[in-house]
Protein backbone atom coordinates (compact mmCIF):
# COMPACT_ATOMS: atom_id res chain seq x y z
CA MET A 1 -3.30 73.67 -104.93
CA THR A 2 -6.18 72.29 -107.05
CA GLN A 3 -6.23 68.52 -107.49
CA PRO A 4 -5.75 67.43 -111.13
CA LEU A 5 -8.71 66.06 -113.03
CA THR A 6 -7.63 62.49 -113.72
CA ILE A 7 -9.15 61.02 -116.89
CA VAL A 8 -9.18 57.68 -118.73
CA VAL A 9 -10.14 57.69 -122.41
CA LEU A 10 -11.89 54.88 -124.29
CA SER A 11 -11.40 55.76 -127.97
CA THR A 12 -12.60 54.26 -131.25
CA GLY A 13 -9.13 54.19 -132.81
CA LEU A 14 -5.66 55.71 -132.69
CA ASP A 15 -6.55 58.88 -134.60
CA ASN A 16 -9.58 59.41 -132.40
CA PHE A 17 -7.45 58.99 -129.27
CA LYS A 18 -4.78 61.42 -130.51
CA ALA A 19 -7.40 64.10 -131.23
CA ILE A 20 -8.99 63.70 -127.78
CA ARG A 21 -5.60 63.69 -126.07
CA ALA A 22 -4.59 66.90 -127.88
CA ALA A 23 -7.80 68.63 -126.81
CA LEU A 24 -7.41 67.53 -123.18
CA SER A 25 -3.77 68.62 -123.03
CA VAL A 26 -4.79 72.26 -123.54
CA ASP A 27 -6.51 72.33 -120.14
CA GLY A 28 -3.88 72.41 -117.40
CA ARG A 29 -6.16 70.68 -114.90
CA VAL A 30 -6.28 67.41 -116.83
CA GLN A 31 -4.06 64.43 -116.07
CA LEU A 32 -4.52 61.62 -118.61
CA LEU A 33 -4.03 58.27 -116.84
CA ALA A 34 -4.72 55.76 -119.60
CA GLY A 35 -6.30 55.39 -123.01
CA GLY A 36 -7.04 52.86 -125.70
CA ASN A 37 -9.77 51.16 -127.70
CA ASP A 38 -10.04 47.88 -125.74
CA ALA A 39 -13.28 48.24 -123.76
CA GLU A 40 -12.57 45.38 -121.30
CA GLN A 41 -9.03 46.52 -120.58
CA LEU A 42 -10.07 50.14 -120.08
CA HIS A 43 -12.95 49.01 -117.85
CA GLU A 44 -10.43 47.26 -115.58
CA GLU A 45 -8.17 50.33 -115.59
CA ILE A 46 -11.04 52.59 -114.55
CA ILE A 47 -11.91 50.25 -111.66
CA ARG A 48 -8.25 50.11 -110.60
CA LEU A 49 -7.28 53.77 -111.06
CA LYS A 50 -10.58 55.35 -109.92
CA PRO A 51 -10.19 58.45 -112.15
CA ALA A 52 -12.26 61.60 -111.70
CA ALA A 53 -13.74 61.08 -115.16
CA ALA A 54 -13.87 58.61 -118.03
CA LEU A 55 -14.34 59.89 -121.57
CA ILE A 56 -15.99 57.24 -123.76
CA SER A 57 -16.22 57.58 -127.54
CA LEU A 58 -19.40 56.37 -129.20
CA GLY A 59 -18.35 55.03 -132.59
CA ALA A 60 -19.66 52.31 -134.84
CA ASN A 61 -19.93 49.93 -131.89
CA ALA A 62 -22.03 52.27 -129.77
CA ASP A 63 -23.97 49.42 -128.13
CA GLN A 64 -20.78 48.06 -126.54
CA ALA A 65 -19.89 51.54 -125.25
CA ILE A 66 -23.37 51.88 -123.72
CA LYS A 67 -22.88 48.56 -121.91
CA VAL A 68 -19.54 49.80 -120.56
CA ILE A 69 -21.27 52.92 -119.22
CA GLU A 70 -23.97 50.85 -117.52
CA ARG A 71 -21.35 48.68 -115.80
CA LEU A 72 -19.26 51.64 -114.68
CA VAL A 73 -22.26 53.40 -113.12
CA THR A 74 -22.49 50.50 -110.66
CA GLU A 75 -18.83 49.57 -110.30
CA ALA A 76 -17.22 53.04 -110.38
CA PRO A 77 -19.94 55.38 -109.03
CA ARG A 78 -17.47 58.14 -108.14
CA THR A 79 -16.15 58.45 -111.70
CA ALA A 80 -17.97 61.02 -113.85
CA LEU A 81 -18.76 59.51 -117.26
CA ILE A 82 -18.46 61.69 -120.37
CA THR A 83 -19.53 60.44 -123.81
CA ALA A 84 -18.25 61.86 -127.07
CA ALA A 85 -19.27 61.29 -130.70
CA GLN A 86 -19.16 62.82 -134.15
CA ASP A 87 -22.55 63.56 -135.72
CA ALA A 88 -24.33 61.65 -132.96
CA SER A 89 -28.08 61.37 -133.27
CA PRO A 90 -30.29 62.79 -130.49
CA ASP A 91 -31.40 59.21 -129.79
CA LEU A 92 -27.80 58.04 -129.19
CA ILE A 93 -27.04 61.01 -126.94
CA LEU A 94 -30.21 60.29 -124.95
CA ARG A 95 -29.31 56.59 -124.65
CA SER A 96 -25.86 57.45 -123.28
CA LEU A 97 -27.32 59.83 -120.72
CA ARG A 98 -29.94 57.31 -119.67
CA ALA A 99 -27.19 54.69 -119.27
CA GLY A 100 -25.44 56.95 -116.76
CA ALA A 101 -23.26 59.46 -118.61
CA ARG A 102 -23.19 62.89 -116.97
CA GLU A 103 -21.96 64.91 -119.96
CA PHE A 104 -21.74 64.75 -123.75
CA LEU A 105 -19.08 66.23 -126.07
CA ARG A 106 -19.28 66.60 -129.83
CA LEU A 107 -16.25 65.56 -131.90
CA PRO A 108 -14.03 67.25 -132.89
CA ILE A 109 -13.91 68.79 -129.43
CA SER A 110 -14.53 72.49 -129.01
CA GLN A 111 -12.26 73.95 -126.31
CA ASP A 112 -15.05 76.16 -124.96
CA GLU A 113 -17.41 73.20 -124.70
CA LEU A 114 -14.66 71.08 -123.13
CA LYS A 115 -13.95 73.74 -120.52
CA THR A 116 -17.63 73.90 -119.58
CA VAL A 117 -17.82 70.11 -119.25
CA LEU A 118 -14.62 69.89 -117.19
CA ASP A 119 -15.84 72.71 -114.91
CA ARG A 120 -18.99 70.71 -114.20
CA VAL A 121 -16.98 67.50 -113.64
CA GLN A 122 -14.67 69.31 -111.22
CA GLU A 123 -17.68 70.69 -109.34
CA TYR A 124 -19.19 67.20 -109.20
CA CYS A 125 -15.95 65.67 -107.85
CA SER A 126 -15.39 68.37 -105.23
CA GLY A 127 -18.95 67.99 -103.96
CA GLN A 128 -18.64 64.28 -103.29
CA VAL A 129 -17.98 62.97 -99.80
CA GLU A 130 -16.12 59.71 -99.45
CA ALA A 131 -18.71 57.16 -98.41
CA PRO A 132 -17.59 54.86 -95.60
CA LYS A 133 -16.92 51.35 -96.81
CA LYS A 134 -19.22 48.62 -95.66
CA LYS A 135 -17.67 46.27 -93.14
CA GLY A 136 -19.38 42.97 -92.50
CA ARG A 137 -18.95 40.87 -89.37
CA MET A 138 -16.22 38.22 -89.53
CA ILE A 139 -16.58 35.06 -87.45
CA ALA A 140 -13.89 32.39 -87.23
CA VAL A 141 -14.90 28.92 -86.05
CA PHE A 142 -11.74 27.40 -84.62
CA SER A 143 -10.27 24.56 -82.62
CA SER A 144 -6.59 23.84 -82.20
CA LYS A 145 -7.48 20.14 -81.97
CA GLY A 146 -8.93 18.24 -84.90
CA GLY A 147 -12.06 16.15 -84.60
CA CYS A 148 -14.17 18.67 -82.67
CA GLY A 149 -16.57 19.30 -85.56
CA THR A 150 -15.56 22.86 -86.48
CA SER A 151 -16.45 22.46 -90.18
CA PHE A 152 -19.93 21.22 -89.27
CA VAL A 153 -20.43 24.10 -86.82
CA ALA A 154 -19.06 26.72 -89.24
CA THR A 155 -21.30 25.51 -92.09
CA ASN A 156 -24.43 25.56 -89.98
CA LEU A 157 -23.65 28.91 -88.33
CA ALA A 158 -23.18 30.42 -91.80
CA ALA A 159 -26.45 28.87 -92.99
CA ALA A 160 -28.28 30.13 -89.90
CA THR A 161 -27.67 33.82 -90.63
CA ALA A 162 -30.52 35.77 -92.20
CA ALA A 163 -28.17 37.98 -94.23
CA ARG A 164 -25.74 37.76 -97.15
CA THR A 165 -23.01 35.44 -95.92
CA VAL A 166 -19.91 33.88 -97.42
CA LEU A 167 -18.38 30.77 -95.87
CA VAL A 168 -14.60 30.65 -96.42
CA ASP A 169 -12.66 27.38 -96.33
CA LEU A 170 -9.20 28.31 -95.04
CA ASN A 171 -8.02 24.73 -94.68
CA LEU A 172 -6.18 25.43 -97.92
CA GLN A 173 -4.42 22.07 -98.18
CA ALA A 174 -7.35 19.78 -97.39
CA GLY A 175 -10.61 21.72 -97.21
CA ASP A 176 -13.84 19.78 -97.66
CA LEU A 177 -16.62 22.31 -97.04
CA PRO A 178 -18.17 21.67 -100.50
CA LEU A 179 -19.24 18.26 -99.15
CA PHE A 180 -21.17 19.94 -96.33
CA LEU A 181 -23.07 22.08 -98.84
CA GLY A 182 -23.44 19.62 -101.71
CA LEU A 183 -21.46 21.86 -104.08
CA ASP A 184 -18.85 21.35 -106.81
CA PRO A 185 -17.00 24.69 -106.94
CA LYS A 186 -15.35 25.77 -110.18
CA TYR A 187 -13.14 28.37 -108.50
CA SER A 188 -11.37 28.61 -105.14
CA PHE A 189 -9.55 30.88 -102.72
CA ALA A 190 -6.45 30.52 -104.92
CA ASP A 191 -8.25 32.16 -107.86
CA MET A 192 -9.50 35.04 -105.73
CA SER A 193 -6.05 35.50 -104.23
CA GLU A 194 -4.48 35.63 -107.69
CA HIS A 195 -6.86 38.42 -108.76
CA ARG A 196 -7.00 40.21 -105.41
CA ASN A 197 -5.75 43.53 -106.83
CA ARG A 198 -8.80 43.99 -109.02
CA LEU A 199 -11.58 42.45 -106.97
CA ASP A 200 -14.98 44.05 -107.32
CA ASP A 201 -18.42 42.73 -106.45
CA ALA A 202 -18.86 41.19 -109.88
CA LEU A 203 -15.51 39.40 -109.82
CA ILE A 204 -16.05 38.19 -106.24
CA GLY A 205 -19.43 36.85 -107.29
CA SER A 206 -17.80 34.85 -110.08
CA PHE A 207 -15.30 33.17 -107.73
CA VAL A 208 -17.71 32.11 -104.97
CA THR A 209 -20.17 29.24 -105.37
CA PRO A 210 -23.76 30.04 -104.38
CA HIS A 211 -25.63 27.61 -102.15
CA SER A 212 -28.75 29.69 -101.52
CA SER A 213 -29.91 33.29 -101.94
CA ASN A 214 -28.05 34.26 -98.74
CA LEU A 215 -25.17 31.78 -98.53
CA SER A 216 -22.14 31.34 -100.79
CA LEU A 217 -18.93 29.34 -100.43
CA LEU A 218 -15.36 30.36 -101.18
CA ALA A 219 -13.79 26.92 -101.41
CA ALA A 220 -10.27 25.74 -100.68
CA PRO A 221 -8.20 24.77 -103.74
CA LYS A 222 -8.90 21.29 -105.10
CA GLU A 223 -5.19 20.79 -105.69
CA ALA A 224 -2.99 21.23 -102.62
CA ASP A 225 -0.19 22.69 -104.78
CA SER A 226 -2.42 25.66 -105.63
CA ALA A 227 -2.26 26.80 -102.01
CA ASP A 228 1.53 27.08 -101.99
CA GLU A 229 1.51 30.55 -103.57
CA ILE A 230 -0.98 32.01 -101.06
CA GLU A 231 0.72 34.26 -98.52
CA PRO A 232 -0.72 35.68 -95.25
CA GLU A 233 -0.93 39.16 -96.76
CA HIS A 234 -2.98 37.71 -99.64
CA VAL A 235 -5.41 36.22 -97.12
CA PHE A 236 -5.65 39.57 -95.35
CA GLU A 237 -6.45 41.44 -98.58
CA VAL A 238 -9.05 38.92 -99.76
CA LEU A 239 -10.84 38.81 -96.41
CA GLN A 240 -10.90 42.61 -96.21
CA ARG A 241 -12.56 42.77 -99.62
CA LEU A 242 -15.08 40.07 -98.69
CA ARG A 243 -16.09 42.13 -95.65
CA GLU A 244 -17.03 44.96 -97.99
CA SER A 245 -19.27 42.67 -100.07
CA TYR A 246 -21.02 40.52 -97.43
CA ASP A 247 -22.85 41.08 -94.16
CA TYR A 248 -21.14 38.04 -92.60
CA VAL A 249 -17.87 36.29 -93.41
CA VAL A 250 -17.62 32.92 -91.64
CA LEU A 251 -14.17 31.33 -91.59
CA ASP A 252 -13.20 27.68 -91.15
CA PRO A 253 -9.40 27.72 -90.58
CA GLN A 254 -7.19 24.70 -90.10
CA HIS A 255 -6.30 23.49 -86.60
CA THR A 256 -2.87 25.08 -86.33
CA PHE A 257 -1.51 28.49 -85.41
CA ASP A 258 0.29 28.95 -88.71
CA SER A 259 0.66 32.32 -90.44
CA ILE A 260 -2.41 31.81 -92.67
CA THR A 261 -4.64 30.97 -89.72
CA LEU A 262 -3.30 33.88 -87.66
CA ALA A 263 -3.92 36.28 -90.56
CA ALA A 264 -7.56 35.20 -90.40
CA LEU A 265 -7.95 35.12 -86.61
CA ASP A 266 -6.41 38.60 -86.32
CA GLN A 267 -9.21 40.06 -88.43
CA ALA A 268 -12.11 38.13 -86.92
CA ASP A 269 -14.62 40.03 -84.81
CA GLU A 270 -15.49 36.83 -82.95
CA ILE A 271 -13.69 33.53 -82.58
CA VAL A 272 -16.04 30.64 -81.86
CA LEU A 273 -13.75 28.26 -79.99
CA VAL A 274 -15.19 24.75 -80.32
CA LEU A 275 -14.37 21.87 -77.97
CA THR A 276 -15.74 18.52 -76.92
CA LEU A 277 -15.90 17.52 -73.26
CA ASP A 278 -12.90 15.22 -73.19
CA ILE A 279 -9.60 15.90 -71.48
CA PRO A 280 -7.43 16.35 -74.63
CA ALA A 281 -9.92 18.82 -76.15
CA ILE A 282 -10.24 20.80 -72.91
CA ARG A 283 -6.48 21.00 -72.57
CA SER A 284 -6.14 22.09 -76.23
CA THR A 285 -8.77 24.79 -75.67
CA GLN A 286 -6.91 26.06 -72.61
CA ARG A 287 -3.73 26.27 -74.67
CA ALA A 288 -5.56 28.17 -77.41
CA LEU A 289 -6.85 30.69 -74.87
CA GLU A 290 -3.33 31.24 -73.59
CA ILE A 291 -2.07 31.85 -77.11
CA PHE A 292 -4.93 34.30 -77.74
CA ASP A 293 -3.82 36.16 -74.61
CA ARG A 294 -0.27 36.34 -75.92
CA LEU A 295 -1.56 37.64 -79.25
CA GLY A 296 -3.43 40.39 -77.44
CA TYR A 297 -6.94 39.21 -78.36
CA PRO A 298 -9.54 40.55 -75.90
CA ARG A 299 -11.49 37.81 -74.17
CA GLN A 300 -14.74 39.41 -75.41
CA LYS A 301 -13.68 38.27 -78.88
CA VAL A 302 -13.77 34.59 -77.90
CA ARG A 303 -16.98 32.55 -77.59
CA ILE A 304 -16.67 29.00 -76.28
CA VAL A 305 -19.05 26.37 -77.65
CA VAL A 306 -19.25 22.72 -76.56
CA ASN A 307 -20.00 20.33 -79.42
CA ARG A 308 -21.43 16.81 -79.06
CA TRP A 309 -22.66 17.53 -75.55
CA SER A 310 -24.45 14.75 -73.69
CA LYS A 311 -25.82 14.38 -70.18
CA GLN A 312 -23.87 11.14 -69.95
CA ILE A 313 -20.52 12.96 -70.05
CA ASP A 314 -18.89 12.61 -66.66
CA LEU A 315 -17.45 16.12 -66.39
CA ASP A 316 -18.90 18.96 -64.36
CA LEU A 317 -19.44 21.95 -66.67
CA ARG A 318 -18.80 24.44 -63.89
CA GLN A 319 -15.40 22.88 -63.31
CA VAL A 320 -14.65 23.13 -67.04
CA GLU A 321 -15.62 26.81 -67.10
CA LYS A 322 -13.58 27.49 -63.99
CA PHE A 323 -10.57 25.73 -65.45
CA LEU A 324 -10.83 27.66 -68.74
CA GLY A 325 -11.68 30.91 -67.02
CA GLU A 326 -14.44 31.53 -69.57
CA PRO A 327 -18.18 30.79 -69.77
CA VAL A 328 -19.63 28.45 -72.36
CA ILE A 329 -22.23 30.15 -74.59
CA GLY A 330 -23.67 27.05 -76.22
CA PHE A 331 -24.06 23.28 -76.01
CA ILE A 332 -24.63 21.50 -79.31
CA PRO A 333 -26.21 18.12 -78.49
CA SER A 334 -24.62 14.87 -79.52
CA ASP A 335 -26.67 13.20 -82.26
CA TYR A 336 -24.29 11.38 -84.57
CA GLN A 337 -26.86 9.96 -86.96
CA THR A 338 -28.67 13.27 -87.53
CA ALA A 339 -25.43 15.18 -88.10
CA VAL A 340 -23.91 12.59 -90.44
CA THR A 341 -27.12 12.35 -92.47
CA SER A 342 -27.09 16.10 -93.11
CA ILE A 343 -23.43 15.95 -94.19
CA ASN A 344 -24.08 13.00 -96.52
CA LEU A 345 -27.02 14.88 -98.05
CA GLY A 346 -24.89 17.99 -98.51
CA GLN A 347 -27.43 20.14 -96.66
CA PRO A 348 -26.80 22.19 -93.50
CA LEU A 349 -28.86 20.78 -90.67
CA VAL A 350 -30.37 24.19 -89.85
CA GLN A 351 -32.04 23.99 -93.28
CA SER A 352 -32.70 20.28 -93.79
CA ASP A 353 -33.95 19.56 -90.25
CA ALA A 354 -34.56 22.96 -88.67
CA GLY A 355 -36.56 21.45 -85.81
CA SER A 356 -33.81 19.14 -84.59
CA LYS A 357 -32.18 19.85 -81.24
CA ILE A 358 -28.81 20.47 -82.91
CA ALA A 359 -30.28 22.97 -85.38
CA ILE A 360 -32.22 24.81 -82.68
CA GLU A 361 -29.11 25.22 -80.54
CA ILE A 362 -26.92 26.35 -83.45
CA LYS A 363 -29.51 28.96 -84.43
CA ARG A 364 -29.60 30.19 -80.83
CA ILE A 365 -25.79 30.46 -80.81
CA ALA A 366 -25.93 32.38 -84.11
CA GLN A 367 -28.45 34.82 -82.61
CA THR A 368 -26.28 35.27 -79.52
CA ILE A 369 -23.27 36.14 -81.66
CA ALA A 370 -25.29 38.41 -83.96
CA SER A 371 -26.70 40.32 -80.99
CA GLY A 372 -23.23 40.85 -79.53
CA ALA A 373 -24.35 39.53 -76.15
CA VAL A 374 -21.43 38.63 -73.89
CA PRO A 375 -22.29 36.17 -71.10
CA ILE A 376 -20.95 37.10 -67.67
CA GLN A 377 -19.37 34.42 -65.55
CA GLU A 378 -19.88 34.85 -61.85
CA ASN A 379 -17.08 34.50 -59.32
CA GLN A 380 -14.30 34.59 -61.88
CA THR A 381 -10.92 33.76 -60.39
CA PRO A 382 -7.51 34.81 -61.73
CA ARG A 383 -6.28 32.40 -64.39
CA PRO A 384 -2.99 30.55 -63.75
CA ALA A 385 0.13 31.41 -65.70
CA PHE A 386 0.50 29.60 -69.04
CA TRP A 387 3.51 27.50 -68.09
CA LYS A 388 1.93 26.38 -64.79
CA SER A 389 -1.72 26.06 -65.76
CA LEU A 390 -2.09 22.38 -66.51
CA PHE A 391 0.30 20.59 -64.22
CA LYS A 392 0.47 22.74 -61.12
CA ARG A 393 -0.83 20.98 -58.03
CA HIS A 394 -3.17 22.96 -55.83
CA ALA A 395 -3.78 22.23 -52.19
CA ALA A 396 -7.32 21.06 -52.91
CA PRO A 397 -7.63 20.31 -56.64
CA ASN A 398 -11.03 19.60 -58.10
CA ALA A 399 -11.82 16.47 -60.09
CA LEU A 400 -11.10 18.01 -63.49
CA GLU A 401 -7.71 19.34 -62.38
CA LEU A 402 -6.79 15.90 -61.02
CA GLN A 403 -7.77 14.27 -64.33
CA ILE A 404 -5.72 16.72 -66.37
CA SER A 405 -2.65 16.71 -64.17
CA SER A 406 -2.57 12.93 -64.10
CA THR A 407 -3.04 12.46 -67.82
CA ASP A 408 -0.09 12.09 -70.18
CA PHE A 409 -0.51 14.11 -73.38
CA SER A 410 1.59 14.18 -76.51
CA LEU A 411 0.00 17.22 -78.12
């Protein structure tokens, strides 16, 4: 059975719409989806409904109709645009075709001419192949323990990419990423979530706040109450749409395994798990890895990064890696003054002080993630069961295991 030719009509008035509707109704292939004389409303309907064709009347306000055509060529490329006018000048017809219209009809509509135009539209639609949607890489920078510097790492990783990137603040109740970028966002994740059903590139661009030619920020709501209406499925839909618009989507979730955070971590291609080399942070990281296992995340999805690393730290890295059962892909040096200065200036360190040791290491980590390289840990041993991992006594425990098993935690 032949698919109907779905059409939306932008008319110049009620009489004009009735005449067009009557002409279209004669052809059994046509299914009229919507019609009216409000250009903005019909533009949104065309984006939402994705009809086979849009018939646009060129009346007294022809310039506005031409602008609608130009927008639809970019935002609805699979919709065939047909213009129609009464006593249109050759110049106006040419302008409409140059703007992106595929066909032109004279009003009142001749059924023979209409049939010819609809035949060509049908041929155009049947010859199109659904183009695969773009899917950017999504990277979540996470720690289940606060104070490990995830926001700093996420901001600088996002700034280190050489592609179109959006940094998303998913700490919806208390996000402060604008401070790291020196921005004062007008809109937030709450606004994008509210309009998620009609997001296109133009609307997404209006909700994010640009920081540079490559980097933009989708901020957390300024008012905590605005986050109350955001559901996990809303987060899923927004992030899916962002992936279609950007090469990289970098997430900064809050430090809990709540439903919003899990909706983000589920979609991430990589989870950069950040820790500092202290016993509470190591234990929290081990717990996070166990939860990832329960959630079915492959270990190749997780990249462990040590922040604020110093040679003075009295913990053997090999013991840490053995305890976690995972290799560490990066060591961001401890340099409090340099890091705090970049935050106070509202400039990512990889841009404001690209030659610093911190910036060099973060850029190397970004390249490692972008290349998809997975470090291999030699002599991996089976990891202990979750409920025994931290307090089980082994016959010959190493120093790290002794420290952990003898430490009282209230996490």
